[in-house]
């Protein structure tokens, strides 16, 4: 739970109605060298530096 709280942002409540205590919410640490994204017809490949912590839900 402490890890969830450390990375929680209030704007995430639009996807996780239970807030930081939402069922199925997990913090994942990722080390990536390359990533791609697709958003509403746009795509790209951001420059990645360092590590990232992600909040994900098993209900995705």
C-alpha atoms as a PDB file:
ATOM      1  CA  UNK A   1       0.000   0.000   0.000  1.00  0.00           C
ATOM      2  CA  UNK A   2       2.844   2.421   0.756  1.00  0.00           C
ATOM      3  CA  UNK A   3       4.142   2.064  -2.796  1.00  0.00           C
ATOM      4  CA  UNK A   4       0.669   2.849  -4.160  1.00  0.00           C
ATOM      5  CA  UNK A   5       0.420   5.969  -2.014  1.00  0.00           C
ATOM      6  CA  UNK A   6       3.893   7.131  -3.031  1.00  0.00           C
ATOM      7  CA  UNK A   7       2.926   7.151  -6.731  1.00  0.00           C
ATOM      8  CA  UNK A   8      -0.756   8.078  -6.542  1.00  0.00           C
ATOM      9  CA  UNK A   9      -2.024  11.212  -8.308  1.00  0.00           C
ATOM     10  CA  UNK A  10      -5.562  12.525  -7.760  1.00  0.00           C
ATOM     11  CA  UNK A  11      -6.209  12.714 -11.522  1.00  0.00           C
ATOM     12  CA  UNK A  12      -6.093   8.872 -11.588  1.00  0.00           C
ATOM     13  CA  UNK A  13      -9.456   8.745  -9.792  1.00  0.00           C
ATOM     14  CA  UNK A  14     -11.208   9.075 -13.155  1.00  0.00           C
ATOM     15  CA  UNK A  15     -10.098   5.473 -13.873  1.00  0.00           C
ATOM     16  CA  UNK A  16      -9.855   4.092 -10.327  1.00  0.00           C
ATOM     17  CA  UNK A  17     -13.042   5.052  -8.475  1.00  0.00           C
ATOM     18  CA  UNK A  18     -11.811   3.531  -5.207  1.00  0.00           C
ATOM     19  CA  UNK A  19      -8.774   5.791  -5.258  1.00  0.00           C
ATOM     20  CA  UNK A  20      -5.451   4.443  -4.052  1.00  0.00           C
ATOM     21  CA  UNK A  21      -7.286   1.533  -2.379  1.00  0.00           C
ATOM     22  CA  UNK A  22      -8.957   0.295  -5.622  1.00  0.00           C
ATOM     23  CA  UNK A  23      -9.107  -3.484  -5.991  1.00  0.00           C
ATOM     24  CA  UNK A  24      -6.646  -4.857  -8.547  1.00  0.00           C
ATOM     25  CA  UNK A  25      -4.398  -1.776  -8.468  1.00  0.00           C
ATOM     26  CA  UNK A  26      -0.706  -2.648  -8.615  1.00  0.00           C
ATOM     27  CA  UNK A  27       2.517  -0.639  -8.903  1.00  0.00           C
ATOM     28  CA  UNK A  28       4.881  -1.943 -11.569  1.00  0.00           C
ATOM     29  CA  UNK A  29       8.464  -0.760 -11.981  1.00  0.00           C
ATOM     30  CA  UNK A  30       9.619  -0.847 -15.604  1.00  0.00           C
ATOM     31  CA  UNK A  31      13.059  -0.474 -17.131  1.00  0.00           C
ATOM     32  CA  UNK A  32      12.631   0.002 -20.859  1.00  0.00           C
ATOM     33  CA  UNK A  33      14.924   0.939 -23.700  1.00  0.00           C
ATOM     34  CA  UNK A  34      12.152   1.605 -26.195  1.00  0.00           C
ATOM     35  CA  UNK A  35       8.412   2.292 -26.133  1.00  0.00           C
ATOM     36  CA  UNK A  36       5.666   3.200 -28.601  1.00  0.00           C
ATOM     37  CA  UNK A  37       2.293   4.793 -27.989  1.00  0.00           C
ATOM     38  CA  UNK A  38      -0.948   5.097 -29.923  1.00  0.00           C
ATOM     39  CA  UNK A  39      -3.458   7.748 -28.874  1.00  0.00           C
ATOM     40  CA  UNK A  40      -6.470   8.749 -30.976  1.00  0.00           C
ATOM     41  CA  UNK A  41      -4.810   8.113 -34.332  1.00  0.00           C
ATOM     42  CA  UNK A  42      -1.439   9.519 -33.309  1.00  0.00           C
ATOM     43  CA  UNK A  43       1.609   7.434 -32.550  1.00  0.00           C
ATOM     44  CA  UNK A  44       5.140   8.056 -31.480  1.00  0.00           C
ATOM     45  CA  UNK A  45       8.236   6.813 -29.765  1.00  0.00           C
ATOM     46  CA  UNK A  46       9.277   8.917 -26.757  1.00  0.00           C
ATOM     47  CA  UNK A  47      12.850   9.202 -25.564  1.00  0.00           C
ATOM     48  CA  UNK A  48      13.185   7.097 -22.432  1.00  0.00           C
ATOM     49  CA  UNK A  49      15.586   7.911 -19.625  1.00  0.00           C
ATOM     50  CA  UNK A  50      15.710   6.264 -16.224  1.00  0.00           C
ATOM     51  CA  UNK A  51      13.029   4.049 -14.746  1.00  0.00           C
ATOM     52  CA  UNK A  52       9.282   4.456 -14.530  1.00  0.00           C
ATOM     53  CA  UNK A  53       6.718   3.462 -11.953  1.00  0.00           C
ATOM     54  CA  UNK A  54       3.288   2.663 -13.306  1.00  0.00           C
ATOM     55  CA  UNK A  55      -0.043   2.162 -11.604  1.00  0.00           C
ATOM     56  CA  UNK A  56      -1.965  -0.551 -13.421  1.00  0.00           C
ATOM     57  CA  UNK A  57      -5.196  -2.395 -12.887  1.00  0.00           C
ATOM     58  CA  UNK A  58      -5.882  -6.054 -13.521  1.00  0.00           C
ATOM     59  CA  UNK A  59      -9.183  -4.929 -15.046  1.00  0.00           C
ATOM     60  CA  UNK A  60      -7.489  -3.208 -18.005  1.00  0.00           C
END
